[in-house]
Each structure stands twice: as C-alpha cells, then as structure tokens.
Amino acid sequence: MTPPNYSELWKAMTPEERREACGDIWTASDEISRHERPAMLAALCNAMHFREKFLKAQTADKLAGWLLLRAGQPEFRKFQGDLLRAWLLARHGAAIENFLEAQGIAHEGAFLKEDPPPPEAAALRKGLRVLCEKCTMHAACLYLGFTLASDDSGFWAALPAAMSAESLDLAAGLGAEH
C-alpha cells in the first residue's frame, strides 16, 4: 500500500472539515501548530497583499475563511498536513489517545512520549478496533492516512498489514463521508 500524501488527504476531507481545519490551526495549542502559524500568516499576507499587523488583528474565523480560500493553491499546499493535524487534534484527539492507549504507547495528549518501540501487529489491531469504535470510519481513515503520510522513521511500518488484517480499506474509508 502506498501511503497517501497530505494533498490527497486534504481532498478527501469534506468542505466542512476543511473549514474546521482552517479555523483549528489558529486556536490549536500544540507546539507544532504554534510554530507553523507565523509561516501561514506570512503566506496569507503575501497572497492578500496585507500587512501582518492587520491580519494579526483579525479573528480566527476571518483568518480561517481567507486560509480556506487559498489552502488548495500551490503556495499553501505545504500547510495541508499542519491543517489536518490541527483538525485531528481538535476534533478527534480523544479517539487518537484511545488508539494509542489500547496499544500501550505512552503519550502526552495525542503525541508520543519519549521514544517508544514500534507497535507490534497484535497491538495495532487492538488499537484499530478501538479507533473505529470511537470515531467515524472517515475520521479514522483520515487519521491513519495522516499517520502513514507522517511516518518518516518507519515507526508505523506494521500499520498497513494490521489494517489489512482488520479489513480496513483506507481508500474506501477516505471516500466515505461521515
């Protein structure tokens, strides 16, 4: 299975989910989102020909609307993974935490703590069952797709096989709206 990329996941989100993601990034409290917000703000300033001071004075809802209009454009595609992560944390953080807990993976919020060993297939399968119980198949597949797209280190290498063993079809789940 070839993991999806962030752009494919962004396209799989519903219009409402994309709108929520563009709002969630401005209010997210995780360190990664806080780190990426200035670059998004600078990109919006550049695209809209507005000064940063003006944009910083706007509400998160207003910024979300402007970002949503541009999120599919080439210069904003680099932020799609960040937008998806902010949405997942804001809207499905508890389900993600349950997924990690079912596997015995130490975490803080929905972020892995320290450097745990990669999960084994049996633990992953248990985690997948819990994840699918706690959220819609569409949301679960967006999270799993994000996890695979983000896996630069191979930590989740056994995930595709575990998904297959659980008859979890990522492509079908991404096409299924709530």
N, C-alpha and C. Protein backbone atom coordinates (compact mmCIF):
# COMPACT_ATOMS: atom_id res chain seq x y z
N MET A 1 0.85 -1.18 0.00
CA MET A 1 0.00 0.00 0.00
C MET A 1 0.89 1.24 0.00
N THR A 2 0.63 2.12 -0.93
CA THR A 2 1.34 3.39 -0.98
C THR A 2 0.61 4.37 -0.05
N PRO A 3 1.35 4.94 0.90
CA PRO A 3 0.67 5.88 1.82
C PRO A 3 0.17 7.11 1.06
N PRO A 4 -0.96 7.64 1.49
CA PRO A 4 -1.45 8.87 0.85
C PRO A 4 -0.55 10.04 1.22
N ASN A 5 -0.61 11.08 0.43
CA ASN A 5 0.11 12.30 0.80
C ASN A 5 -0.90 13.30 1.39
N TYR A 6 -0.39 14.38 1.93
CA TYR A 6 -1.26 15.34 2.60
C TYR A 6 -2.28 15.95 1.64
N SER A 7 -1.89 16.17 0.41
CA SER A 7 -2.81 16.76 -0.56
C SER A 7 -3.98 15.82 -0.84
N GLU A 8 -3.71 14.52 -0.95
CA GLU A 8 -4.78 13.55 -1.15
C GLU A 8 -5.71 13.50 0.06
N LEU A 9 -5.15 13.59 1.24
CA LEU A 9 -5.96 13.59 2.46
C LEU A 9 -6.81 14.85 2.54
N TRP A 10 -6.22 15.98 2.17
CA TRP A 10 -6.95 17.25 2.18
C TRP A 10 -8.16 17.16 1.24
N LYS A 11 -7.94 16.59 0.08
CA LYS A 11 -9.04 16.44 -0.89
C LYS A 11 -10.11 15.47 -0.39
N ALA A 12 -9.71 14.52 0.44
CA ALA A 12 -10.67 13.55 0.98
C ALA A 12 -11.53 14.14 2.10
N MET A 13 -11.10 15.25 2.66
CA MET A 13 -11.88 15.90 3.71
C MET A 13 -13.12 16.54 3.10
N THR A 14 -14.18 16.59 3.88
CA THR A 14 -15.39 17.27 3.41
C THR A 14 -15.15 18.78 3.45
N PRO A 15 -15.94 19.55 2.72
CA PRO A 15 -15.79 21.01 2.80
C PRO A 15 -15.89 21.54 4.23
N GLU A 16 -16.79 20.98 5.03
CA GLU A 16 -16.93 21.43 6.42
C GLU A 16 -15.69 21.08 7.24
N GLU A 17 -15.13 19.90 7.02
CA GLU A 17 -13.90 19.52 7.73
C GLU A 17 -12.75 20.45 7.36
N ARG A 18 -12.65 20.81 6.10
CA ARG A 18 -11.60 21.74 5.68
C ARG A 18 -11.78 23.10 6.35
N ARG A 19 -13.01 23.55 6.42
CA ARG A 19 -13.30 24.83 7.07
C ARG A 19 -12.90 24.75 8.55
N GLU A 20 -13.27 23.66 9.21
CA GLU A 20 -12.91 23.49 10.61
C GLU A 20 -11.39 23.47 10.78
N ALA A 21 -10.70 22.78 9.88
CA ALA A 21 -9.23 22.68 9.96
C ALA A 21 -8.59 24.06 9.83
N CYS A 22 -9.11 24.87 8.92
CA CYS A 22 -8.55 26.21 8.73
C CYS A 22 -8.80 27.10 9.95
N GLY A 23 -9.82 26.81 10.72
CA GLY A 23 -10.06 27.53 11.97
C GLY A 23 -9.26 26.94 13.13
N ASP A 24 -9.18 25.62 13.16
CA ASP A 24 -8.49 24.95 14.27
C ASP A 24 -7.01 25.30 14.34
N ILE A 25 -6.38 25.54 13.21
CA ILE A 25 -4.94 25.84 13.22
C ILE A 25 -4.66 27.14 13.98
N TRP A 26 -5.59 28.09 13.96
CA TRP A 26 -5.36 29.39 14.62
C TRP A 26 -5.57 29.32 16.12
N THR A 27 -6.27 28.27 16.58
CA THR A 27 -6.54 28.16 18.02
C THR A 27 -5.85 26.96 18.66
N ALA A 28 -5.18 26.14 17.86
CA ALA A 28 -4.51 24.94 18.39
C ALA A 28 -3.43 25.33 19.39
N SER A 29 -3.30 24.53 20.45
CA SER A 29 -2.33 24.86 21.49
C SER A 29 -1.06 24.01 21.40
N ASP A 30 -1.02 23.04 20.47
CA ASP A 30 0.17 22.20 20.40
C ASP A 30 1.35 23.00 19.83
N GLU A 31 2.53 22.56 20.20
CA GLU A 31 3.75 23.27 19.84
C GLU A 31 3.96 23.36 18.32
N ILE A 32 3.64 22.30 17.60
CA ILE A 32 3.85 22.30 16.15
C ILE A 32 2.96 23.33 15.48
N SER A 33 1.70 23.40 15.87
CA SER A 33 0.78 24.39 15.28
C SER A 33 1.23 25.80 15.61
N ARG A 34 1.64 26.02 16.86
CA ARG A 34 2.12 27.36 17.23
C ARG A 34 3.35 27.74 16.41
N HIS A 35 4.18 26.76 16.11
CA HIS A 35 5.39 27.01 15.32
C HIS A 35 5.05 27.33 13.87
N GLU A 36 4.04 26.70 13.31
CA GLU A 36 3.69 26.87 11.89
C GLU A 36 2.82 28.09 11.61
N ARG A 37 2.11 28.59 12.60
CA ARG A 37 1.20 29.72 12.38
C ARG A 37 1.88 30.95 11.78
N PRO A 38 3.07 31.35 12.25
CA PRO A 38 3.69 32.53 11.64
C PRO A 38 3.95 32.37 10.13
N ALA A 39 4.34 31.18 9.70
CA ALA A 39 4.58 30.96 8.27
C ALA A 39 3.26 31.04 7.50
N MET A 40 2.19 30.53 8.07
CA MET A 40 0.88 30.62 7.41
C MET A 40 0.41 32.05 7.33
N LEU A 41 0.64 32.78 8.41
CA LEU A 41 0.26 34.19 8.43
C LEU A 41 1.06 34.97 7.39
N ALA A 42 2.35 34.70 7.29
CA ALA A 42 3.19 35.37 6.29
C ALA A 42 2.74 35.03 4.88
N ALA A 43 2.37 33.78 4.64
CA ALA A 43 1.88 33.38 3.32
C ALA A 43 0.57 34.08 2.99
N LEU A 44 -0.31 34.22 3.99
CA LEU A 44 -1.56 34.95 3.77
C LEU A 44 -1.29 36.42 3.48
N CYS A 45 -0.37 37.02 4.23
CA CYS A 45 0.00 38.41 3.99
C CYS A 45 0.47 38.60 2.56
N ASN A 46 1.34 37.72 2.13
CA ASN A 46 1.88 37.79 0.79
C ASN A 46 0.79 37.61 -0.27
N ALA A 47 -0.05 36.63 -0.09
CA ALA A 47 -1.09 36.33 -1.07
C ALA A 47 -2.15 37.42 -1.14
N MET A 48 -2.45 38.03 -0.01
CA MET A 48 -3.51 39.02 0.05
C MET A 48 -3.01 40.46 -0.05
N HIS A 49 -1.70 40.61 -0.01
CA HIS A 49 -1.08 41.95 -0.04
C HIS A 49 -1.55 42.80 1.14
N PHE A 50 -1.63 42.14 2.31
CA PHE A 50 -1.97 42.82 3.56
C PHE A 50 -0.75 42.82 4.47
N ARG A 51 -0.73 43.78 5.36
CA ARG A 51 0.33 43.82 6.36
C ARG A 51 0.02 42.82 7.47
N GLU A 52 1.10 42.30 8.05
CA GLU A 52 0.95 41.31 9.12
C GLU A 52 0.16 41.88 10.29
N LYS A 53 0.39 43.13 10.62
CA LYS A 53 -0.29 43.76 11.75
C LYS A 53 -1.81 43.72 11.55
N PHE A 54 -2.25 43.96 10.31
CA PHE A 54 -3.68 43.91 10.01
C PHE A 54 -4.22 42.50 10.21
N LEU A 55 -3.53 41.50 9.66
CA LEU A 55 -4.01 40.13 9.77
C LEU A 55 -4.00 39.64 11.21
N LYS A 56 -2.99 40.02 11.98
CA LYS A 56 -2.93 39.60 13.38
C LYS A 56 -4.10 40.15 14.19
N ALA A 57 -4.68 41.26 13.75
CA ALA A 57 -5.80 41.87 14.46
C ALA A 57 -7.13 41.21 14.10
N GLN A 58 -7.15 40.31 13.14
CA GLN A 58 -8.38 39.67 12.70
C GLN A 58 -8.74 38.48 13.60
N THR A 59 -10.01 38.10 13.57
CA THR A 59 -10.47 36.95 14.35
C THR A 59 -9.99 35.66 13.68
N ALA A 60 -9.94 34.60 14.47
CA ALA A 60 -9.56 33.30 13.93
C ALA A 60 -10.54 32.87 12.83
N ASP A 61 -11.82 33.21 12.98
CA ASP A 61 -12.81 32.84 11.97
C ASP A 61 -12.55 33.55 10.64
N LYS A 62 -12.17 34.80 10.71
CA LYS A 62 -11.86 35.56 9.49
C LYS A 62 -10.61 34.98 8.82
N LEU A 63 -9.58 34.72 9.62
CA LEU A 63 -8.36 34.12 9.08
C LEU A 63 -8.65 32.75 8.47
N ALA A 64 -9.53 31.98 9.13
CA ALA A 64 -9.90 30.66 8.63
C ALA A 64 -10.53 30.77 7.25
N GLY A 65 -11.42 31.72 7.07
CA GLY A 65 -12.07 31.91 5.77
C GLY A 65 -11.07 32.26 4.68
N TRP A 66 -10.14 33.14 4.99
CA TRP A 66 -9.14 33.52 3.99
C TRP A 66 -8.20 32.36 3.68
N LEU A 67 -7.84 31.61 4.71
CA LEU A 67 -6.96 30.46 4.51
C LEU A 67 -7.68 29.38 3.70
N LEU A 68 -8.94 29.15 4.00
CA LEU A 68 -9.72 28.14 3.28
C LEU A 68 -9.76 28.43 1.78
N LEU A 69 -9.91 29.70 1.43
CA LEU A 69 -9.95 30.07 0.02
C LEU A 69 -8.64 29.77 -0.71
N ARG A 70 -7.55 29.68 0.04
CA ARG A 70 -6.23 29.51 -0.58
C ARG A 70 -5.57 28.16 -0.31
N ALA A 71 -6.14 27.36 0.57
CA ALA A 71 -5.48 26.13 1.04
C ALA A 71 -5.15 25.15 -0.08
N GLY A 72 -5.87 25.18 -1.18
CA GLY A 72 -5.59 24.27 -2.28
C GLY A 72 -4.59 24.82 -3.28
N GLN A 73 -4.22 26.08 -3.14
CA GLN A 73 -3.28 26.70 -4.07
C GLN A 73 -1.86 26.19 -3.82
N PRO A 74 -1.05 26.13 -4.87
CA PRO A 74 0.30 25.55 -4.73
C PRO A 74 1.11 26.13 -3.57
N GLU A 75 1.08 27.43 -3.36
CA GLU A 75 1.91 28.01 -2.30
C GLU A 75 1.38 27.73 -0.89
N PHE A 76 0.18 27.19 -0.79
CA PHE A 76 -0.39 26.86 0.52
C PHE A 76 -0.46 25.35 0.76
N ARG A 77 -0.21 24.54 -0.25
CA ARG A 77 -0.30 23.08 -0.08
C ARG A 77 0.65 22.55 0.98
N LYS A 78 1.77 23.25 1.17
CA LYS A 78 2.74 22.79 2.18
C LYS A 78 2.16 22.84 3.59
N PHE A 79 1.04 23.53 3.77
CA PHE A 79 0.42 23.63 5.09
C PHE A 79 -0.70 22.61 5.30
N GLN A 80 -1.05 21.83 4.29
CA GLN A 80 -2.19 20.93 4.40
C GLN A 80 -2.01 19.89 5.50
N GLY A 81 -0.80 19.37 5.67
CA GLY A 81 -0.55 18.42 6.76
C GLY A 81 -0.74 19.07 8.12
N ASP A 82 -0.30 20.32 8.26
CA ASP A 82 -0.47 21.04 9.53
C ASP A 82 -1.95 21.30 9.82
N LEU A 83 -2.69 21.65 8.78
CA LEU A 83 -4.12 21.89 8.94
C LEU A 83 -4.84 20.61 9.34
N LEU A 84 -4.49 19.52 8.69
CA LEU A 84 -5.10 18.24 9.01
C LEU A 84 -4.77 17.82 10.45
N ARG A 85 -3.51 17.98 10.86
CA ARG A 85 -3.11 17.62 12.23
C ARG A 85 -3.91 18.45 13.24
N ALA A 86 -4.03 19.76 13.01
CA ALA A 86 -4.78 20.62 13.94
C ALA A 86 -6.23 20.17 14.03
N TRP A 87 -6.82 19.80 12.91
CA TRP A 87 -8.21 19.34 12.89
C TRP A 87 -8.35 18.01 13.64
N LEU A 88 -7.44 17.09 13.37
CA LEU A 88 -7.49 15.80 14.05
C LEU A 88 -7.38 15.96 15.56
N LEU A 89 -6.46 16.80 16.00
CA LEU A 89 -6.28 17.01 17.44
C LEU A 89 -7.51 17.67 18.06
N ALA A 90 -8.05 18.68 17.37
CA ALA A 90 -9.19 19.41 17.91
C ALA A 90 -10.47 18.59 17.90
N ARG A 91 -10.67 17.82 16.86
CA ARG A 91 -11.96 17.13 16.67
C ARG A 91 -11.94 15.66 17.06
N HIS A 92 -10.75 15.04 17.07
CA HIS A 92 -10.67 13.60 17.31
C HIS A 92 -9.52 13.22 18.26
N GLY A 93 -9.07 14.19 19.04
CA GLY A 93 -7.95 13.95 19.95
C GLY A 93 -8.21 12.81 20.93
N ALA A 94 -9.41 12.73 21.48
CA ALA A 94 -9.73 11.68 22.45
C ALA A 94 -9.67 10.29 21.80
N ALA A 95 -10.17 10.17 20.57
CA ALA A 95 -10.12 8.88 19.86
C ALA A 95 -8.67 8.48 19.57
N ILE A 96 -7.84 9.46 19.22
CA ILE A 96 -6.43 9.19 18.95
C ILE A 96 -5.74 8.72 20.23
N GLU A 97 -6.05 9.39 21.34
CA GLU A 97 -5.48 8.98 22.61
C GLU A 97 -5.91 7.55 22.96
N ASN A 98 -7.16 7.21 22.73
CA ASN A 98 -7.65 5.84 22.99
C ASN A 98 -6.92 4.84 22.10
N PHE A 99 -6.67 5.19 20.85
CA PHE A 99 -5.93 4.35 19.92
C PHE A 99 -4.53 4.05 20.47
N LEU A 100 -3.86 5.09 20.95
CA LEU A 100 -2.51 4.92 21.49
C LEU A 100 -2.54 4.12 22.80
N GLU A 101 -3.50 4.43 23.66
CA GLU A 101 -3.60 3.72 24.94
C GLU A 101 -3.89 2.23 24.75
N ALA A 102 -4.72 1.89 23.77
CA ALA A 102 -5.04 0.49 23.52
C ALA A 102 -3.81 -0.31 23.14
N GLN A 103 -2.80 0.38 22.60
CA GLN A 103 -1.55 -0.28 22.21
C GLN A 103 -0.49 -0.19 23.30
N GLY A 104 -0.79 0.52 24.38
CA GLY A 104 0.18 0.69 25.45
C GLY A 104 1.28 1.66 25.08
N ILE A 105 1.00 2.60 24.18
CA ILE A 105 2.00 3.59 23.75
C ILE A 105 1.88 4.82 24.65
N ALA A 106 2.96 5.16 25.32
CA ALA A 106 2.97 6.35 26.18
C ALA A 106 2.81 7.59 25.32
N HIS A 107 1.94 8.48 25.79
CA HIS A 107 1.68 9.70 25.02
C HIS A 107 1.31 10.84 25.95
N GLU A 108 1.45 12.02 25.42
CA GLU A 108 1.00 13.22 26.12
C GLU A 108 0.05 13.92 25.17
N GLY A 109 -1.21 13.94 25.53
CA GLY A 109 -2.22 14.36 24.56
C GLY A 109 -2.24 13.27 23.50
N ALA A 110 -2.10 13.63 22.28
CA ALA A 110 -2.06 12.63 21.21
C ALA A 110 -0.65 12.53 20.61
N PHE A 111 0.34 13.03 21.32
CA PHE A 111 1.73 12.99 20.86
C PHE A 111 2.50 11.93 21.63
N LEU A 112 3.30 11.14 20.91
CA LEU A 112 4.09 10.09 21.55
C LEU A 112 5.09 10.71 22.52
N LYS A 113 5.25 10.04 23.67
CA LYS A 113 6.24 10.47 24.66
C LYS A 113 7.51 9.66 24.46
N GLU A 114 8.61 10.31 24.71
CA GLU A 114 9.93 9.68 24.64
C GLU A 114 10.12 9.01 23.29
N ASP A 115 10.66 7.82 23.27
CA ASP A 115 10.94 7.12 22.02
C ASP A 115 10.49 5.66 22.16
N PRO A 116 9.17 5.41 22.09
CA PRO A 116 8.70 4.05 22.31
C PRO A 116 9.09 3.13 21.14
N PRO A 117 9.14 1.83 21.38
CA PRO A 117 9.41 0.90 20.28
C PRO A 117 8.20 0.86 19.35
N PRO A 118 8.42 0.55 18.08
CA PRO A 118 7.28 0.47 17.15
C PRO A 118 6.27 -0.58 17.63
N PRO A 119 4.99 -0.31 17.45
CA PRO A 119 3.97 -1.25 17.91
C PRO A 119 3.96 -2.52 17.06
N GLU A 120 3.61 -3.62 17.70
CA GLU A 120 3.50 -4.91 17.01
C GLU A 120 2.11 -5.04 16.41
N ALA A 121 1.97 -5.97 15.48
CA ALA A 121 0.72 -6.14 14.74
C ALA A 121 -0.48 -6.37 15.65
N ALA A 122 -0.34 -7.21 16.68
CA ALA A 122 -1.47 -7.51 17.58
C ALA A 122 -1.93 -6.25 18.31
N ALA A 123 -0.99 -5.46 18.78
CA ALA A 123 -1.33 -4.21 19.47
C ALA A 123 -1.98 -3.23 18.50
N LEU A 124 -1.45 -3.14 17.30
CA LEU A 124 -2.03 -2.25 16.29
C LEU A 124 -3.46 -2.64 15.96
N ARG A 125 -3.69 -3.93 15.83
CA ARG A 125 -5.05 -4.40 15.51
C ARG A 125 -6.02 -4.02 16.63
N LYS A 126 -5.58 -4.17 17.86
CA LYS A 126 -6.42 -3.77 19.00
C LYS A 126 -6.68 -2.27 18.95
N GLY A 127 -5.64 -1.50 18.69
CA GLY A 127 -5.78 -0.05 18.58
C GLY A 127 -6.72 0.36 17.46
N LEU A 128 -6.63 -0.33 16.33
CA LEU A 128 -7.51 -0.03 15.19
C LEU A 128 -8.98 -0.27 15.54
N ARG A 129 -9.24 -1.36 16.25
CA ARG A 129 -10.63 -1.66 16.65
C ARG A 129 -11.16 -0.56 17.58
N VAL A 130 -10.33 -0.12 18.51
CA VAL A 130 -10.74 0.95 19.43
C VAL A 130 -10.96 2.26 18.66
N LEU A 131 -10.06 2.59 17.76
CA LEU A 131 -10.19 3.82 16.97
C LEU A 131 -11.49 3.82 16.19
N CYS A 132 -11.80 2.71 15.55
CA CYS A 132 -13.02 2.62 14.73
C CYS A 132 -14.28 2.66 15.57
N GLU A 133 -14.19 2.27 16.84
CA GLU A 133 -15.33 2.37 17.75
C GLU A 133 -15.55 3.81 18.20
N LYS A 134 -14.47 4.58 18.29
CA LYS A 134 -14.53 5.91 18.90
C LYS A 134 -14.82 7.04 17.91
N CYS A 135 -14.69 6.79 16.61
CA CYS A 135 -14.97 7.85 15.63
C CYS A 135 -15.49 7.22 14.34
N THR A 136 -15.91 8.06 13.42
CA THR A 136 -16.42 7.56 12.15
C THR A 136 -15.29 6.89 11.37
N MET A 137 -15.65 6.04 10.43
CA MET A 137 -14.65 5.39 9.58
C MET A 137 -13.88 6.44 8.78
N HIS A 138 -14.59 7.46 8.34
CA HIS A 138 -13.95 8.54 7.57
C HIS A 138 -12.87 9.23 8.41
N ALA A 139 -13.21 9.61 9.63
CA ALA A 139 -12.24 10.28 10.51
C ALA A 139 -11.09 9.34 10.86
N ALA A 140 -11.39 8.07 11.13
CA ALA A 140 -10.34 7.10 11.44
C ALA A 140 -9.37 6.98 10.26
N CYS A 141 -9.91 6.91 9.05
CA CYS A 141 -9.05 6.79 7.87
C CYS A 141 -8.25 8.06 7.61
N LEU A 142 -8.82 9.22 7.90
CA LEU A 142 -8.03 10.45 7.79
C LEU A 142 -6.86 10.42 8.77
N TYR A 143 -7.11 9.97 10.00
CA TYR A 143 -6.03 9.88 10.98
C TYR A 143 -4.98 8.85 10.56
N LEU A 144 -5.43 7.68 10.12
CA LEU A 144 -4.48 6.64 9.72
C LEU A 144 -3.70 7.07 8.49
N GLY A 145 -4.35 7.72 7.56
CA GLY A 145 -3.65 8.25 6.39
C GLY A 145 -2.62 9.29 6.78
N PHE A 146 -3.00 10.18 7.71
CA PHE A 146 -2.07 11.19 8.22
C PHE A 146 -0.88 10.53 8.90
N THR A 147 -1.16 9.51 9.69
CA THR A 147 -0.11 8.78 10.41
C THR A 147 0.88 8.17 9.42
N LEU A 148 0.36 7.54 8.37
CA LEU A 148 1.24 6.93 7.36
C LEU A 148 2.00 7.99 6.57
N ALA A 149 1.34 9.08 6.23
CA ALA A 149 1.99 10.15 5.47
C ALA A 149 3.09 10.83 6.29
N SER A 150 2.94 10.83 7.60
CA SER A 150 3.90 11.49 8.50
C SER A 150 5.02 10.58 8.96
N ASP A 151 4.95 9.30 8.64
CA ASP A 151 5.87 8.31 9.20
C ASP A 151 7.20 8.27 8.46
N ASP A 152 8.06 9.23 8.75
CA ASP A 152 9.37 9.30 8.12
C ASP A 152 10.35 8.27 8.70
N SER A 153 10.09 7.84 9.94
CA SER A 153 11.05 6.97 10.62
C SER A 153 10.72 5.49 10.51
N GLY A 154 9.56 5.15 9.99
CA GLY A 154 9.16 3.75 9.90
C GLY A 154 8.53 3.21 11.17
N PHE A 155 8.21 4.09 12.11
CA PHE A 155 7.61 3.68 13.38
C PHE A 155 6.32 2.89 13.15
N TRP A 156 5.53 3.31 12.19
CA TRP A 156 4.23 2.69 11.92
C TRP A 156 4.30 1.69 10.76
N ALA A 157 5.45 1.09 10.52
CA ALA A 157 5.65 0.18 9.38
C ALA A 157 4.67 -0.99 9.37
N ALA A 158 4.25 -1.46 10.52
CA ALA A 158 3.33 -2.60 10.59
C ALA A 158 1.87 -2.19 10.43
N LEU A 159 1.60 -0.89 10.36
CA LEU A 159 0.21 -0.42 10.29
C LEU A 159 -0.53 -0.91 9.04
N PRO A 160 0.03 -0.83 7.85
CA PRO A 160 -0.72 -1.30 6.68
C PRO A 160 -1.14 -2.77 6.80
N ALA A 161 -0.25 -3.63 7.29
CA ALA A 161 -0.59 -5.05 7.45
C ALA A 161 -1.69 -5.22 8.50
N ALA A 162 -1.62 -4.47 9.59
CA ALA A 162 -2.66 -4.54 10.63
C ALA A 162 -4.00 -4.06 10.08
N MET A 163 -3.96 -3.01 9.28
CA MET A 163 -5.20 -2.51 8.67
C MET A 163 -5.80 -3.57 7.75
N SER A 164 -4.96 -4.20 6.98
CA SER A 164 -5.41 -5.26 6.07
C SER A 164 -6.02 -6.42 6.87
N ALA A 165 -5.36 -6.82 7.94
CA ALA A 165 -5.86 -7.91 8.78
C ALA A 165 -7.21 -7.58 9.41
N GLU A 166 -7.45 -6.30 9.63
CA GLU A 166 -8.73 -5.85 10.20
C GLU A 166 -9.74 -5.50 9.10
N SER A 167 -9.40 -5.79 7.85
CA SER A 167 -10.26 -5.48 6.69
C SER A 167 -10.61 -4.00 6.63
N LEU A 168 -9.63 -3.17 6.96
CA LEU A 168 -9.83 -1.73 6.94
C LEU A 168 -9.24 -1.19 5.64
N ASP A 169 -10.09 -0.74 4.75
CA ASP A 169 -9.69 -0.24 3.44
C ASP A 169 -9.57 1.28 3.51
N LEU A 170 -8.34 1.77 3.51
CA LEU A 170 -8.09 3.20 3.66
C LEU A 170 -8.74 4.00 2.54
N ALA A 171 -8.59 3.57 1.30
CA ALA A 171 -9.17 4.31 0.16
C ALA A 171 -10.69 4.41 0.27
N ALA A 172 -11.32 3.29 0.63
CA ALA A 172 -12.78 3.30 0.78
C ALA A 172 -13.20 4.20 1.94
N GLY A 173 -12.47 4.14 3.04
CA GLY A 173 -12.79 4.96 4.21
C GLY A 173 -12.60 6.44 3.96
N LEU A 174 -11.63 6.78 3.14
CA LEU A 174 -11.42 8.20 2.82
C LEU A 174 -12.52 8.73 1.91
N GLY A 175 -13.10 7.83 1.14
CA GLY A 175 -14.19 8.24 0.26
C GLY A 175 -15.52 8.33 0.98
N ALA A 176 -15.60 7.68 2.14
CA ALA A 176 -16.85 7.67 2.90
C ALA A 176 -16.95 8.92 3.77
N GLU A 177 -17.97 9.71 3.52
CA GLU A 177 -18.19 10.90 4.36
C GLU A 177 -19.06 10.49 5.53
N HIS A 178 -18.72 11.01 6.68
CA HIS A 178 -19.37 10.67 7.94
C HIS A 178 -20.55 9.81 7.65
